[in-house]
N, C-alpha and C. Protein backbone atom coordinates (compact mmCIF):
# COMPACT_ATOMS: atom_id res chain seq x y z
N UNK A 1 5.56 32.08 10.65
CA UNK A 1 4.18 31.68 10.35
C UNK A 1 3.74 30.59 11.32
N UNK A 2 2.50 30.67 11.76
CA UNK A 2 1.94 29.63 12.62
C UNK A 2 1.35 28.56 11.70
N UNK A 3 2.03 27.42 11.60
CA UNK A 3 1.63 26.39 10.65
C UNK A 3 0.52 25.49 11.17
N UNK A 4 0.39 25.39 12.51
CA UNK A 4 -0.66 24.55 13.08
C UNK A 4 -0.86 24.92 14.54
N UNK A 5 -2.02 24.56 15.06
CA UNK A 5 -2.30 24.70 16.50
C UNK A 5 -2.89 23.38 16.98
N UNK A 6 -2.57 23.02 18.21
CA UNK A 6 -3.10 21.79 18.78
C UNK A 6 -3.43 22.04 20.24
N UNK A 7 -4.61 21.64 20.63
CA UNK A 7 -5.02 21.82 22.01
C UNK A 7 -6.48 21.50 22.19
N UNK A 8 -7.02 21.87 23.35
CA UNK A 8 -8.41 21.56 23.66
C UNK A 8 -9.33 22.61 23.03
N UNK A 9 -10.44 22.11 22.48
CA UNK A 9 -11.44 23.01 21.90
C UNK A 9 -12.30 23.57 23.04
N UNK A 10 -12.25 24.89 23.22
CA UNK A 10 -12.99 25.52 24.33
C UNK A 10 -14.22 26.28 23.87
N UNK A 11 -14.35 26.53 22.57
CA UNK A 11 -15.53 27.21 22.05
C UNK A 11 -15.67 26.94 20.57
N UNK A 12 -16.91 26.83 20.11
CA UNK A 12 -17.20 26.66 18.69
C UNK A 12 -18.29 27.64 18.29
N UNK A 13 -18.05 28.43 17.27
CA UNK A 13 -19.01 29.41 16.77
C UNK A 13 -19.29 29.12 15.30
N UNK A 14 -20.26 29.78 14.69
CA UNK A 14 -20.58 29.50 13.28
C UNK A 14 -19.41 29.71 12.33
N UNK A 15 -18.50 30.60 12.67
CA UNK A 15 -17.41 30.91 11.74
C UNK A 15 -16.03 30.58 12.28
N UNK A 16 -15.94 29.93 13.43
CA UNK A 16 -14.62 29.62 13.96
C UNK A 16 -14.68 28.89 15.28
N UNK A 17 -13.50 28.65 15.84
CA UNK A 17 -13.41 27.94 17.10
C UNK A 17 -12.25 28.51 17.91
N UNK A 18 -12.29 28.26 19.21
CA UNK A 18 -11.20 28.66 20.09
C UNK A 18 -10.46 27.41 20.54
N UNK A 19 -9.16 27.37 20.27
CA UNK A 19 -8.31 26.26 20.68
C UNK A 19 -7.38 26.76 21.79
N UNK A 20 -7.39 26.09 22.93
CA UNK A 20 -6.53 26.50 24.03
C UNK A 20 -5.15 25.88 23.87
N UNK A 21 -4.15 26.73 23.72
CA UNK A 21 -2.77 26.28 23.53
C UNK A 21 -1.90 26.91 24.60
N UNK A 22 -1.38 26.09 25.51
CA UNK A 22 -0.52 26.60 26.57
C UNK A 22 -1.21 27.61 27.47
N UNK A 23 -2.49 27.41 27.71
CA UNK A 23 -3.23 28.32 28.57
C UNK A 23 -3.77 29.55 27.86
N UNK A 24 -3.53 29.66 26.56
CA UNK A 24 -4.00 30.81 25.78
C UNK A 24 -5.05 30.34 24.78
N UNK A 25 -6.21 30.99 24.77
CA UNK A 25 -7.25 30.64 23.81
C UNK A 25 -7.02 31.34 22.48
N UNK A 26 -6.86 30.58 21.43
CA UNK A 26 -6.58 31.13 20.10
C UNK A 26 -7.81 30.97 19.21
N UNK A 27 -8.29 32.10 18.68
CA UNK A 27 -9.43 32.08 17.77
C UNK A 27 -8.96 31.70 16.38
N UNK A 28 -9.58 30.66 15.83
CA UNK A 28 -9.22 30.18 14.50
C UNK A 28 -10.47 30.19 13.62
N UNK A 29 -10.44 30.92 12.51
CA UNK A 29 -11.57 30.97 11.59
C UNK A 29 -11.54 29.73 10.70
N UNK A 30 -12.69 29.07 10.55
CA UNK A 30 -12.74 27.78 9.84
C UNK A 30 -13.95 27.69 8.93
N UNK A 31 -13.90 26.75 8.02
CA UNK A 31 -15.06 26.43 7.19
C UNK A 31 -16.03 25.58 8.01
N UNK A 32 -17.30 25.52 7.62
CA UNK A 32 -18.25 24.65 8.32
C UNK A 32 -17.79 23.19 8.34
N UNK A 33 -17.15 22.75 7.26
CA UNK A 33 -16.67 21.37 7.21
C UNK A 33 -15.62 21.09 8.27
N UNK A 34 -14.70 22.02 8.47
CA UNK A 34 -13.68 21.86 9.49
C UNK A 34 -14.31 21.93 10.88
N UNK A 35 -15.22 22.85 11.08
CA UNK A 35 -15.88 22.98 12.39
C UNK A 35 -16.63 21.70 12.76
N UNK A 36 -17.15 21.02 11.75
CA UNK A 36 -17.91 19.78 12.01
C UNK A 36 -17.02 18.68 12.57
N UNK A 37 -15.70 18.80 12.38
CA UNK A 37 -14.78 17.77 12.90
C UNK A 37 -14.38 18.03 14.34
N UNK A 38 -14.73 19.20 14.87
CA UNK A 38 -14.31 19.57 16.23
C UNK A 38 -15.38 19.23 17.25
N UNK A 39 -14.95 18.91 18.46
CA UNK A 39 -15.86 18.61 19.56
C UNK A 39 -15.43 19.39 20.80
N UNK A 40 -16.39 20.02 21.44
CA UNK A 40 -16.11 20.79 22.65
C UNK A 40 -15.43 19.93 23.70
N UNK A 41 -14.35 20.47 24.29
CA UNK A 41 -13.66 19.78 25.37
C UNK A 41 -12.68 18.72 24.92
N UNK A 42 -12.64 18.43 23.62
CA UNK A 42 -11.71 17.42 23.10
C UNK A 42 -10.51 18.08 22.45
N UNK A 43 -9.41 17.34 22.38
CA UNK A 43 -8.21 17.85 21.75
C UNK A 43 -8.38 17.84 20.23
N UNK A 44 -7.75 18.81 19.58
CA UNK A 44 -7.83 18.91 18.13
C UNK A 44 -6.54 19.52 17.60
N UNK A 45 -6.25 19.19 16.36
CA UNK A 45 -5.12 19.81 15.66
C UNK A 45 -5.62 20.37 14.34
N UNK A 46 -5.28 21.62 14.08
CA UNK A 46 -5.67 22.26 12.84
C UNK A 46 -4.44 22.81 12.14
N UNK A 47 -4.35 22.56 10.83
CA UNK A 47 -3.35 23.26 10.03
C UNK A 47 -3.81 24.71 9.92
N UNK A 48 -2.90 25.66 10.02
CA UNK A 48 -3.31 27.06 10.07
C UNK A 48 -2.52 27.94 9.11
N UNK A 49 -3.13 29.07 8.78
CA UNK A 49 -2.49 30.08 7.96
C UNK A 49 -2.74 31.43 8.61
N UNK A 50 -1.69 32.17 8.89
CA UNK A 50 -1.81 33.47 9.54
C UNK A 50 -1.83 34.57 8.49
N UNK A 51 -2.89 35.37 8.50
CA UNK A 51 -3.01 36.49 7.57
C UNK A 51 -2.74 37.78 8.35
N UNK A 52 -1.72 38.50 7.92
CA UNK A 52 -1.29 39.70 8.63
C UNK A 52 -1.77 40.95 7.88
N UNK A 53 -2.49 41.79 8.58
CA UNK A 53 -2.91 43.08 8.06
C UNK A 53 -2.45 44.17 9.02
N UNK A 54 -2.44 45.40 8.58
CA UNK A 54 -1.98 46.49 9.43
C UNK A 54 -2.75 46.56 10.74
N UNK A 55 -4.05 46.26 10.65
CA UNK A 55 -4.90 46.42 11.82
C UNK A 55 -5.23 45.11 12.52
N UNK A 56 -4.77 43.98 11.97
CA UNK A 56 -5.18 42.71 12.57
C UNK A 56 -4.25 41.57 12.21
N UNK A 57 -4.29 40.54 13.06
CA UNK A 57 -3.66 39.25 12.79
C UNK A 57 -4.77 38.21 12.86
N UNK A 58 -5.05 37.55 11.76
CA UNK A 58 -6.17 36.61 11.71
C UNK A 58 -5.65 35.23 11.36
N UNK A 59 -6.06 34.25 12.16
CA UNK A 59 -5.62 32.87 11.97
C UNK A 59 -6.77 32.06 11.36
N UNK A 60 -6.46 31.37 10.28
CA UNK A 60 -7.45 30.51 9.63
C UNK A 60 -7.02 29.06 9.81
N UNK A 61 -8.00 28.19 10.12
CA UNK A 61 -7.69 26.81 10.43
C UNK A 61 -8.35 25.82 9.48
N UNK A 62 -7.66 24.68 9.27
CA UNK A 62 -8.12 23.70 8.29
C UNK A 62 -7.92 22.29 8.83
N UNK A 63 -8.80 21.40 8.42
CA UNK A 63 -8.72 20.02 8.88
C UNK A 63 -7.51 19.30 8.30
N UNK A 64 -7.05 19.74 7.12
CA UNK A 64 -5.90 19.08 6.48
C UNK A 64 -4.89 20.11 6.00
N UNK A 65 -3.66 19.66 5.83
CA UNK A 65 -2.62 20.53 5.29
C UNK A 65 -2.93 20.91 3.84
N UNK A 66 -3.57 20.02 3.10
CA UNK A 66 -3.90 20.30 1.70
C UNK A 66 -4.86 21.48 1.61
N UNK A 67 -5.83 21.55 2.52
CA UNK A 67 -6.76 22.68 2.52
C UNK A 67 -6.02 23.99 2.75
N UNK A 68 -5.05 23.97 3.66
CA UNK A 68 -4.28 25.18 3.92
C UNK A 68 -3.49 25.60 2.69
N UNK A 69 -2.86 24.64 2.02
CA UNK A 69 -2.08 24.94 0.82
C UNK A 69 -2.95 25.58 -0.24
N UNK A 70 -4.14 25.00 -0.47
CA UNK A 70 -5.05 25.54 -1.48
C UNK A 70 -5.54 26.91 -1.06
N UNK A 71 -5.85 27.10 0.22
CA UNK A 71 -6.29 28.39 0.75
C UNK A 71 -5.26 29.47 0.42
N UNK A 72 -4.00 29.19 0.64
CA UNK A 72 -2.96 30.17 0.39
C UNK A 72 -2.74 30.40 -1.09
N UNK A 73 -2.85 29.34 -1.89
CA UNK A 73 -2.66 29.48 -3.33
C UNK A 73 -3.80 30.29 -3.95
N UNK A 74 -5.02 30.09 -3.47
CA UNK A 74 -6.16 30.83 -4.01
C UNK A 74 -5.96 32.33 -3.88
N UNK A 75 -5.32 32.75 -2.80
CA UNK A 75 -5.13 34.19 -2.56
C UNK A 75 -4.11 34.84 -3.48
N UNK A 76 -3.41 34.03 -4.26
CA UNK A 76 -2.48 34.62 -5.23
C UNK A 76 -3.20 35.10 -6.48
N UNK A 77 -4.49 34.75 -6.60
CA UNK A 77 -5.28 35.23 -7.73
C UNK A 77 -5.80 36.63 -7.42
N UNK A 78 -5.86 37.46 -8.43
CA UNK A 78 -6.33 38.83 -8.26
C UNK A 78 -7.75 38.85 -7.72
N UNK A 79 -7.97 39.66 -6.69
CA UNK A 79 -9.32 39.83 -6.15
C UNK A 79 -9.74 38.77 -5.16
N UNK A 80 -8.87 37.81 -4.86
CA UNK A 80 -9.22 36.75 -3.91
C UNK A 80 -8.47 37.00 -2.60
N UNK A 81 -9.22 37.38 -1.57
CA UNK A 81 -8.65 37.57 -0.25
C UNK A 81 -8.93 36.36 0.61
N UNK A 82 -8.51 36.41 1.88
CA UNK A 82 -8.70 35.24 2.74
C UNK A 82 -10.17 34.86 2.96
N UNK A 83 -11.04 35.84 3.06
CA UNK A 83 -12.46 35.52 3.30
C UNK A 83 -13.06 34.81 2.09
N UNK A 84 -12.73 35.28 0.90
CA UNK A 84 -13.27 34.63 -0.30
C UNK A 84 -12.64 33.25 -0.48
N UNK A 85 -11.35 33.14 -0.19
CA UNK A 85 -10.68 31.83 -0.30
C UNK A 85 -11.32 30.83 0.66
N UNK A 86 -11.64 31.30 1.88
CA UNK A 86 -12.29 30.42 2.85
C UNK A 86 -13.69 30.03 2.37
N UNK A 87 -14.40 30.99 1.75
CA UNK A 87 -15.73 30.70 1.21
C UNK A 87 -15.66 29.65 0.11
N UNK A 88 -14.60 29.72 -0.70
CA UNK A 88 -14.43 28.73 -1.78
C UNK A 88 -14.24 27.34 -1.20
N UNK A 89 -13.48 27.25 -0.11
CA UNK A 89 -13.26 25.95 0.53
C UNK A 89 -14.47 25.49 1.33
N UNK A 90 -15.35 26.42 1.65
CA UNK A 90 -16.59 26.04 2.34
C UNK A 90 -17.57 25.38 1.36
N UNK A 91 -17.47 25.78 0.08
CA UNK A 91 -18.37 25.25 -0.94
C UNK A 91 -17.77 24.02 -1.63
N UNK A 92 -16.46 24.06 -1.88
CA UNK A 92 -15.81 22.98 -2.63
C UNK A 92 -14.62 22.41 -1.85
N UNK A 93 -14.36 21.13 -2.02
CA UNK A 93 -13.15 20.52 -1.45
C UNK A 93 -11.95 21.00 -2.27
N UNK A 94 -10.74 20.85 -1.74
CA UNK A 94 -9.56 21.22 -2.52
C UNK A 94 -9.51 20.54 -3.89
N UNK A 95 -9.84 19.26 -3.92
CA UNK A 95 -9.78 18.55 -5.20
C UNK A 95 -10.87 19.04 -6.16
N UNK A 96 -12.04 19.37 -5.62
CA UNK A 96 -13.11 19.90 -6.48
C UNK A 96 -12.70 21.24 -7.07
N UNK A 97 -11.99 22.06 -6.30
CA UNK A 97 -11.51 23.34 -6.82
C UNK A 97 -10.46 23.11 -7.90
N UNK A 98 -9.56 22.16 -7.68
CA UNK A 98 -8.57 21.85 -8.70
C UNK A 98 -9.25 21.40 -9.99
N UNK A 99 -10.27 20.56 -9.84
CA UNK A 99 -10.99 20.05 -11.01
C UNK A 99 -11.70 21.18 -11.73
N UNK A 100 -12.35 22.07 -10.99
CA UNK A 100 -13.09 23.19 -11.58
C UNK A 100 -12.15 24.13 -12.33
N UNK A 101 -11.01 24.42 -11.73
CA UNK A 101 -10.06 25.32 -12.37
C UNK A 101 -9.43 24.66 -13.60
N UNK A 102 -9.05 23.39 -13.48
CA UNK A 102 -8.42 22.69 -14.60
C UNK A 102 -9.38 22.57 -15.79
N UNK A 103 -10.67 22.38 -15.49
CA UNK A 103 -11.66 22.19 -16.55
C UNK A 103 -12.33 23.50 -16.95
N UNK A 104 -11.90 24.62 -16.34
CA UNK A 104 -12.51 25.92 -16.60
C UNK A 104 -14.02 25.86 -16.37
N UNK A 105 -14.41 25.21 -15.28
CA UNK A 105 -15.83 25.04 -14.94
C UNK A 105 -16.31 26.30 -14.20
N UNK A 106 -16.70 27.29 -14.96
CA UNK A 106 -17.12 28.56 -14.38
C UNK A 106 -18.39 28.41 -13.55
N UNK A 107 -19.25 27.50 -13.95
CA UNK A 107 -20.50 27.28 -13.22
C UNK A 107 -20.21 26.84 -11.79
N UNK A 108 -19.25 25.94 -11.63
CA UNK A 108 -18.90 25.47 -10.29
C UNK A 108 -18.30 26.60 -9.46
N UNK A 109 -17.44 27.40 -10.07
CA UNK A 109 -16.79 28.48 -9.33
C UNK A 109 -17.78 29.56 -8.92
N UNK A 110 -18.75 29.85 -9.78
CA UNK A 110 -19.72 30.90 -9.45
C UNK A 110 -20.76 30.44 -8.42
N UNK A 111 -20.69 29.18 -8.01
CA UNK A 111 -21.54 28.73 -6.91
C UNK A 111 -21.08 29.33 -5.57
N UNK A 112 -19.86 29.83 -5.56
CA UNK A 112 -19.31 30.44 -4.34
C UNK A 112 -19.83 31.87 -4.23
N UNK A 113 -20.47 32.23 -3.13
CA UNK A 113 -20.94 33.61 -2.95
C UNK A 113 -19.77 34.60 -3.08
N UNK A 114 -19.96 35.60 -3.92
CA UNK A 114 -18.91 36.59 -4.10
C UNK A 114 -18.10 36.41 -5.36
N UNK A 115 -18.32 35.31 -6.08
CA UNK A 115 -17.60 35.08 -7.34
C UNK A 115 -18.59 35.15 -8.49
N UNK A 116 -18.37 36.12 -9.38
CA UNK A 116 -19.18 36.25 -10.57
C UNK A 116 -18.50 35.62 -11.76
N UNK A 117 -19.09 35.80 -12.93
CA UNK A 117 -18.56 35.19 -14.14
C UNK A 117 -17.14 35.69 -14.44
N UNK A 118 -16.94 37.00 -14.37
CA UNK A 118 -15.62 37.55 -14.67
C UNK A 118 -14.59 37.12 -13.63
N UNK A 119 -15.02 37.09 -12.37
CA UNK A 119 -14.12 36.64 -11.32
C UNK A 119 -13.70 35.19 -11.51
N UNK A 120 -14.65 34.36 -11.91
CA UNK A 120 -14.35 32.95 -12.16
C UNK A 120 -13.38 32.81 -13.32
N UNK A 121 -13.59 33.59 -14.37
CA UNK A 121 -12.69 33.54 -15.52
C UNK A 121 -11.28 33.95 -15.12
N UNK A 122 -11.17 34.96 -14.27
CA UNK A 122 -9.86 35.43 -13.83
C UNK A 122 -9.16 34.37 -12.97
N UNK A 123 -9.91 33.71 -12.12
CA UNK A 123 -9.33 32.66 -11.27
C UNK A 123 -8.80 31.51 -12.13
N UNK A 124 -9.57 31.11 -13.13
CA UNK A 124 -9.13 30.04 -14.03
C UNK A 124 -7.87 30.44 -14.76
N UNK A 125 -7.85 31.67 -15.28
CA UNK A 125 -6.71 32.15 -16.05
C UNK A 125 -5.45 32.20 -15.20
N UNK A 126 -5.57 32.66 -13.95
CA UNK A 126 -4.39 32.88 -13.13
C UNK A 126 -3.94 31.63 -12.36
N UNK A 127 -4.85 30.69 -12.14
CA UNK A 127 -4.50 29.54 -11.30
C UNK A 127 -4.46 28.20 -12.03
N UNK A 128 -4.78 28.20 -13.31
CA UNK A 128 -4.94 26.93 -14.02
C UNK A 128 -3.70 26.04 -13.92
N UNK A 129 -2.52 26.64 -13.99
CA UNK A 129 -1.29 25.83 -13.96
C UNK A 129 -0.61 25.87 -12.60
N UNK A 130 -1.31 26.39 -11.58
CA UNK A 130 -0.65 26.58 -10.29
C UNK A 130 -1.35 25.87 -9.13
N UNK A 131 -2.61 25.52 -9.32
CA UNK A 131 -3.38 24.97 -8.21
C UNK A 131 -3.11 23.48 -7.99
N UNK A 132 -2.53 22.83 -8.99
CA UNK A 132 -2.24 21.40 -8.85
C UNK A 132 -3.13 20.55 -9.75
N UNK A 133 -2.76 19.29 -9.88
CA UNK A 133 -3.48 18.36 -10.74
C UNK A 133 -4.62 17.69 -9.97
N UNK A 134 -5.83 17.66 -10.52
CA UNK A 134 -6.94 16.98 -9.85
C UNK A 134 -6.63 15.52 -9.59
N UNK A 135 -7.17 14.97 -8.52
CA UNK A 135 -6.89 13.58 -8.16
C UNK A 135 -7.31 12.60 -9.25
N UNK A 136 -8.41 12.91 -9.92
CA UNK A 136 -8.87 12.00 -10.98
C UNK A 136 -7.83 11.89 -12.09
N UNK A 137 -7.18 13.01 -12.41
CA UNK A 137 -6.16 12.98 -13.45
C UNK A 137 -4.93 12.21 -12.97
N UNK A 138 -4.58 12.39 -11.69
CA UNK A 138 -3.45 11.65 -11.14
C UNK A 138 -3.74 10.15 -11.15
N UNK A 139 -4.97 9.78 -10.77
CA UNK A 139 -5.35 8.37 -10.77
C UNK A 139 -5.30 7.79 -12.17
N UNK A 140 -5.79 8.56 -13.14
CA UNK A 140 -5.78 8.09 -14.53
C UNK A 140 -4.36 7.89 -15.03
N UNK A 141 -3.48 8.83 -14.66
CA UNK A 141 -2.08 8.71 -15.07
C UNK A 141 -1.43 7.49 -14.43
N UNK A 142 -1.73 7.28 -13.14
CA UNK A 142 -1.16 6.13 -12.45
C UNK A 142 -1.66 4.82 -13.05
N UNK A 143 -2.95 4.76 -13.34
CA UNK A 143 -3.51 3.55 -13.94
C UNK A 143 -2.90 3.30 -15.32
N UNK A 144 -2.66 4.40 -16.05
CA UNK A 144 -2.03 4.26 -17.36
C UNK A 144 -0.63 3.72 -17.24
N UNK A 145 0.11 4.21 -16.23
CA UNK A 145 1.47 3.71 -16.02
C UNK A 145 1.45 2.23 -15.66
N UNK A 146 0.46 1.85 -14.83
CA UNK A 146 0.37 0.44 -14.44
C UNK A 146 0.09 -0.45 -15.64
N UNK A 147 -0.82 0.03 -16.51
CA UNK A 147 -1.20 -0.80 -17.65
C UNK A 147 -0.04 -0.96 -18.63
N UNK A 148 0.82 0.06 -18.74
CA UNK A 148 1.88 0.02 -19.73
C UNK A 148 3.24 -0.33 -19.13
N UNK A 149 3.30 -0.65 -17.84
CA UNK A 149 4.58 -0.97 -17.21
C UNK A 149 5.21 -2.18 -17.88
N UNK A 150 6.51 -2.09 -18.26
CA UNK A 150 7.18 -3.21 -18.96
C UNK A 150 7.16 -4.50 -18.15
N UNK A 151 7.27 -4.40 -16.83
CA UNK A 151 7.33 -5.63 -16.02
C UNK A 151 6.07 -6.46 -16.17
N UNK A 152 4.94 -5.80 -16.40
CA UNK A 152 3.68 -6.54 -16.52
C UNK A 152 3.73 -7.51 -17.71
N UNK A 153 4.16 -6.98 -18.87
CA UNK A 153 4.22 -7.82 -20.07
C UNK A 153 5.23 -8.95 -19.90
N UNK A 154 6.34 -8.63 -19.24
CA UNK A 154 7.38 -9.64 -19.09
C UNK A 154 6.94 -10.77 -18.15
N UNK A 155 6.31 -10.39 -17.04
CA UNK A 155 5.81 -11.41 -16.10
C UNK A 155 4.69 -12.21 -16.74
N UNK A 156 3.82 -11.53 -17.46
CA UNK A 156 2.71 -12.21 -18.14
C UNK A 156 3.25 -13.23 -19.14
N UNK A 157 4.22 -12.80 -19.95
CA UNK A 157 4.80 -13.71 -20.93
C UNK A 157 5.48 -14.89 -20.27
N UNK A 158 6.17 -14.61 -19.16
CA UNK A 158 6.84 -15.68 -18.44
C UNK A 158 5.88 -16.72 -17.92
N UNK A 159 4.76 -16.28 -17.37
CA UNK A 159 3.77 -17.21 -16.81
C UNK A 159 3.10 -18.03 -17.91
N UNK A 160 2.75 -17.35 -19.00
CA UNK A 160 2.12 -18.06 -20.11
C UNK A 160 3.10 -19.08 -20.69
N UNK A 161 4.38 -18.69 -20.75
CA UNK A 161 5.40 -19.61 -21.25
C UNK A 161 5.57 -20.83 -20.37
N UNK A 162 5.22 -20.70 -19.08
CA UNK A 162 5.31 -21.83 -18.17
C UNK A 162 4.05 -22.69 -18.17
N UNK A 163 3.08 -22.33 -19.03
CA UNK A 163 1.89 -23.15 -19.18
C UNK A 163 0.65 -22.62 -18.51
N UNK A 164 0.73 -21.46 -17.87
CA UNK A 164 -0.46 -20.90 -17.23
C UNK A 164 -1.31 -20.17 -18.27
N UNK A 165 -2.61 -20.11 -18.00
CA UNK A 165 -3.51 -19.41 -18.92
C UNK A 165 -3.33 -17.90 -18.76
N UNK A 166 -3.79 -17.16 -19.77
CA UNK A 166 -3.70 -15.70 -19.71
C UNK A 166 -4.49 -15.15 -18.52
N UNK A 167 -5.63 -15.79 -18.22
CA UNK A 167 -6.44 -15.36 -17.08
C UNK A 167 -5.69 -15.56 -15.78
N UNK A 168 -5.06 -16.73 -15.62
CA UNK A 168 -4.27 -16.99 -14.42
C UNK A 168 -3.12 -16.00 -14.30
N UNK A 169 -2.50 -15.69 -15.42
CA UNK A 169 -1.38 -14.74 -15.42
C UNK A 169 -1.84 -13.36 -14.96
N UNK A 170 -3.00 -12.93 -15.45
CA UNK A 170 -3.54 -11.62 -15.05
C UNK A 170 -3.82 -11.58 -13.55
N UNK A 171 -4.38 -12.67 -13.01
CA UNK A 171 -4.67 -12.73 -11.58
C UNK A 171 -3.39 -12.70 -10.75
N UNK A 172 -2.36 -13.38 -11.22
CA UNK A 172 -1.09 -13.40 -10.50
C UNK A 172 -0.43 -12.02 -10.54
N UNK A 173 -0.55 -11.35 -11.68
CA UNK A 173 0.01 -9.99 -11.79
C UNK A 173 -0.69 -9.04 -10.83
N UNK A 174 -2.01 -9.19 -10.70
CA UNK A 174 -2.76 -8.35 -9.76
C UNK A 174 -2.29 -8.60 -8.33
N UNK A 175 -1.89 -9.83 -8.03
CA UNK A 175 -1.45 -10.18 -6.68
C UNK A 175 -0.10 -9.56 -6.34
N UNK A 176 0.77 -9.41 -7.34
CA UNK A 176 2.12 -8.87 -7.08
C UNK A 176 2.22 -7.38 -7.39
N UNK A 177 1.17 -6.81 -7.91
CA UNK A 177 1.20 -5.39 -8.28
C UNK A 177 1.56 -4.48 -7.10
N UNK A 178 1.05 -4.75 -5.87
CA UNK A 178 1.45 -3.89 -4.74
C UNK A 178 2.96 -3.90 -4.50
N UNK A 179 3.61 -5.05 -4.73
CA UNK A 179 5.07 -5.13 -4.58
C UNK A 179 5.76 -4.24 -5.61
N UNK A 180 5.26 -4.27 -6.83
CA UNK A 180 5.85 -3.44 -7.89
C UNK A 180 5.63 -1.96 -7.59
N UNK A 181 4.43 -1.62 -7.12
CA UNK A 181 4.13 -0.22 -6.77
C UNK A 181 5.04 0.27 -5.65
N UNK A 182 5.32 -0.60 -4.68
CA UNK A 182 6.19 -0.23 -3.56
C UNK A 182 7.60 0.07 -4.05
N UNK A 183 8.08 -0.72 -5.01
CA UNK A 183 9.40 -0.49 -5.58
C UNK A 183 9.45 0.85 -6.33
N UNK A 184 8.41 1.12 -7.10
CA UNK A 184 8.35 2.39 -7.84
C UNK A 184 8.28 3.57 -6.89
N UNK A 185 7.51 3.43 -5.81
CA UNK A 185 7.39 4.51 -4.83
C UNK A 185 8.72 4.80 -4.16
N UNK A 186 9.56 3.77 -4.04
CA UNK A 186 10.88 3.93 -3.42
C UNK A 186 11.93 4.40 -4.43
N UNK A 187 11.49 4.65 -5.67
CA UNK A 187 12.42 5.13 -6.68
C UNK A 187 13.22 4.04 -7.37
N UNK A 188 12.77 2.79 -7.23
CA UNK A 188 13.47 1.65 -7.85
C UNK A 188 12.59 1.01 -8.91
N UNK A 189 13.23 0.45 -9.91
CA UNK A 189 12.50 -0.29 -10.94
C UNK A 189 12.18 -1.70 -10.43
N UNK A 190 10.96 -2.17 -10.62
CA UNK A 190 10.60 -3.53 -10.19
C UNK A 190 11.48 -4.58 -10.88
N UNK A 191 11.92 -5.56 -10.11
CA UNK A 191 12.74 -6.64 -10.65
C UNK A 191 11.82 -7.74 -11.18
N UNK A 192 11.90 -7.99 -12.46
CA UNK A 192 11.00 -8.95 -13.11
C UNK A 192 11.17 -10.35 -12.52
N UNK A 193 12.39 -10.76 -12.27
CA UNK A 193 12.63 -12.11 -11.74
C UNK A 193 11.95 -12.29 -10.39
N UNK A 194 12.08 -11.29 -9.51
CA UNK A 194 11.48 -11.38 -8.19
C UNK A 194 9.96 -11.38 -8.29
N UNK A 195 9.42 -10.56 -9.19
CA UNK A 195 7.97 -10.50 -9.35
C UNK A 195 7.43 -11.80 -9.94
N UNK A 196 8.20 -12.41 -10.85
CA UNK A 196 7.78 -13.67 -11.44
C UNK A 196 7.72 -14.77 -10.38
N UNK A 197 8.72 -14.80 -9.49
CA UNK A 197 8.71 -15.78 -8.41
C UNK A 197 7.52 -15.56 -7.48
N UNK A 198 7.25 -14.29 -7.17
CA UNK A 198 6.12 -13.98 -6.29
C UNK A 198 4.80 -14.36 -6.96
N UNK A 199 4.73 -14.13 -8.27
CA UNK A 199 3.51 -14.49 -9.01
C UNK A 199 3.30 -15.99 -8.99
N UNK A 200 4.38 -16.74 -9.15
CA UNK A 200 4.28 -18.20 -9.11
C UNK A 200 3.84 -18.69 -7.75
N UNK A 201 4.34 -18.03 -6.69
CA UNK A 201 3.92 -18.42 -5.33
C UNK A 201 2.44 -18.15 -5.15
N UNK A 202 1.95 -17.05 -5.69
CA UNK A 202 0.53 -16.74 -5.53
C UNK A 202 -0.34 -17.75 -6.26
N UNK A 203 0.15 -18.27 -7.37
CA UNK A 203 -0.61 -19.27 -8.11
C UNK A 203 -0.57 -20.63 -7.40
N UNK A 204 0.53 -20.92 -6.72
CA UNK A 204 0.68 -22.24 -6.09
C UNK A 204 -0.16 -22.38 -4.83
N UNK A 205 -0.54 -21.25 -4.22
CA UNK A 205 -1.29 -21.33 -2.96
C UNK A 205 -2.78 -21.13 -3.16
N UNK A 206 -3.19 -21.03 -4.39
CA UNK A 206 -4.62 -20.83 -4.64
C UNK A 206 -5.38 -22.14 -4.40
């Protein structure tokens, strides 16, 4: 599979662009949004998906890897081919599609030319648990984890116990939160003692 192409943009048309790679001009079909990021004569990189048919090899290009992933996943739904999947990404961002499918928002899906009510219902049914979690839901889950993280209560209690006000403690926790997030991202539990020391330093330099 051709996962990406990178080279000089030699032509831009309403439905695609030509990227010169190693002296060969490769036609890549794109959404209007992706085409808007390209400039004639400038270098560009596109994530790509190759669709193989008996009579043709067609390359589709995307500004991001996420768009390509969603493009390919959309085609696993009955009745959704590459052209319709590209049309869906021309109307909605990947996250908007995830949100529409997760919420069974048929109105949003039928805004795409070629998708009727029954088609939208089928897409929701077949992709609801496969397209991924909308960013808003991920953000809400992350914020919930932050609010309920044990280290927060422990650091807060420690600061209040040292004579700081609850407001000062909250501000200090906000200052060290990036350190705690970095530890969690690395697969480690935040160390309360280290965070408490950092919180105290943030209060001392105010």
